[in-house]
Amino acid sequence: MEESITKMVADYFQALSHPTRIEILQLLKGRNEMCVCEIVEKLKKDQSNISRHLNALRIAGVVDFRGEGVRSFYKVKYKQADKLIDLVKSILHEQVKEGQKILQAF
């Protein structure tokens, strides 16, 4: 049982493991939902590229999808995903501060 949970956690992190996916989640943060066309416009990337990454996030359960006619809308499924990204940013910030202290010692 524990192995399957570990795999699920690893799969979730794998779904987040591309810079474009993090950019998408940052755009969706704090919004109810966003149209794919808006995401494409804001990130200035190809629509097929954005759609591929949104699909990977949807399959992993990170985002929810809603279709309305020819338009597709996405939102973060669980708000804790926002907190997860903020936590990683906080850790990276601490790492940079530690690196600065080491450099100042020279």
Protein backbone atom coordinates (compact mmCIF):
# COMPACT_ATOMS: atom_id res chain seq x y z
CA MET A 1 0.00 0.00 0.00
CA GLU A 2 2.76 2.46 0.93
CA GLU A 3 4.51 1.85 -2.40
CA SER A 4 1.40 2.84 -4.33
CA ILE A 5 1.07 6.07 -2.34
CA THR A 6 4.75 6.80 -2.92
CA LYS A 7 4.22 6.25 -6.66
CA MET A 8 1.19 8.54 -6.63
CA VAL A 9 3.24 11.29 -4.96
CA ALA A 10 6.04 10.79 -7.49
CA ASP A 11 3.56 10.92 -10.38
CA TYR A 12 2.09 14.16 -9.03
CA PHE A 13 5.52 15.75 -8.80
CA GLN A 14 6.33 14.45 -12.28
CA ALA A 15 3.25 16.25 -13.60
CA LEU A 16 4.68 19.47 -12.17
CA SER A 17 8.17 18.83 -13.52
CA HIS A 18 8.13 21.14 -16.54
CA PRO A 19 8.66 24.92 -16.45
CA THR A 20 5.65 25.54 -18.72
CA ARG A 21 3.40 23.65 -16.31
CA ILE A 22 4.63 25.75 -13.41
CA GLU A 23 4.01 28.90 -15.47
CA ILE A 24 0.47 27.69 -16.20
CA LEU A 25 -0.21 27.03 -12.53
CA GLN A 26 1.18 30.46 -11.61
CA LEU A 27 -1.27 32.02 -14.09
CA LEU A 28 -4.19 30.02 -12.72
CA LYS A 29 -3.31 30.84 -9.12
CA GLY A 30 -5.98 32.95 -7.47
CA ARG A 31 -8.29 32.77 -10.49
CA ASN A 32 -11.55 30.92 -10.75
CA GLU A 33 -10.64 29.62 -14.21
CA MET A 34 -8.93 30.65 -17.41
CA CYS A 35 -9.53 29.97 -21.10
CA VAL A 36 -6.75 28.20 -23.00
CA CYS A 37 -6.67 31.15 -25.40
CA GLU A 38 -5.86 33.49 -22.48
CA ILE A 39 -3.10 31.20 -21.23
CA VAL A 40 -1.58 31.05 -24.72
CA GLU A 41 -1.70 34.83 -24.99
CA LYS A 42 -0.14 35.45 -21.56
CA LEU A 43 2.63 32.87 -21.94
CA LYS A 44 3.27 33.67 -25.61
CA LYS A 45 3.61 29.99 -26.47
CA ASP A 46 2.07 27.80 -29.13
CA GLN A 47 -1.50 26.65 -28.43
CA SER A 48 -0.68 22.99 -29.07
CA ASN A 49 2.22 23.20 -26.59
CA ILE A 50 -0.01 24.74 -23.89
CA SER A 51 -2.76 22.20 -24.55
CA ARG A 52 -0.31 19.31 -24.21
CA HIS A 53 0.87 20.58 -20.84
CA LEU A 54 -2.68 21.28 -19.65
CA ASN A 55 -3.64 17.74 -20.60
CA ALA A 56 -0.75 16.31 -18.57
CA LEU A 57 -1.84 18.41 -15.57
CA ARG A 58 -5.45 17.28 -16.03
CA ILE A 59 -4.54 13.60 -16.22
CA ALA A 60 -2.54 13.95 -13.00
CA GLY A 61 -5.49 15.61 -11.28
CA VAL A 62 -3.77 18.96 -10.84
CA VAL A 63 -6.27 20.97 -12.90
CA ASP A 64 -9.94 20.66 -13.82
CA PHE A 65 -11.30 21.15 -17.33
CA ARG A 66 -14.57 22.66 -18.52
CA GLY A 67 -15.61 22.96 -22.15
CA GLU A 68 -17.96 25.67 -23.38
CA GLY A 69 -18.61 25.44 -27.09
CA VAL A 70 -15.22 25.61 -28.79
CA ARG A 71 -13.53 27.19 -25.75
CA SER A 72 -11.76 25.21 -23.04
CA PHE A 73 -11.39 26.48 -19.49
CA TYR A 74 -9.03 25.25 -16.79
CA LYS A 75 -8.66 25.85 -13.08
CA VAL A 76 -6.48 24.49 -10.30
CA LYS A 77 -8.32 21.50 -8.85
CA TYR A 78 -6.98 21.78 -5.30
CA LYS A 79 -5.76 25.11 -3.91
CA GLN A 80 -3.07 23.24 -1.95
CA ALA A 81 -1.16 22.95 -5.25
CA ASP A 82 -0.61 26.72 -5.05
CA LYS A 83 0.80 26.27 -1.55
CA LEU A 84 3.08 23.50 -2.76
CA ILE A 85 4.65 25.75 -5.39
CA ASP A 86 4.98 28.58 -2.85
CA LEU A 87 6.70 26.16 -0.45
CA VAL A 88 9.23 25.12 -3.10
CA LYS A 89 9.90 28.79 -3.89
CA SER A 90 10.47 29.43 -0.20
CA ILE A 91 12.95 26.54 0.00
CA LEU A 92 14.80 27.85 -3.07
CA HIS A 93 14.93 31.31 -1.51
CA GLU A 94 16.53 29.82 1.62
CA GLN A 95 19.07 27.97 -0.54
CA VAL A 96 20.03 31.21 -2.28
CA LYS A 97 20.44 32.96 1.08
CA GLU A 98 22.70 30.14 2.32
CA GLY A 99 24.76 30.40 -0.87
CA GLN A 100 25.13 34.15 -0.38
CA LYS A 101 26.40 33.62 3.16
CA ILE A 102 29.02 31.18 1.90
CA LEU A 103 30.16 33.65 -0.76
CA GLN A 104 30.36 36.49 1.77
CA ALA A 105 32.70 34.37 3.89
CA PHE A 106 35.33 34.55 1.15
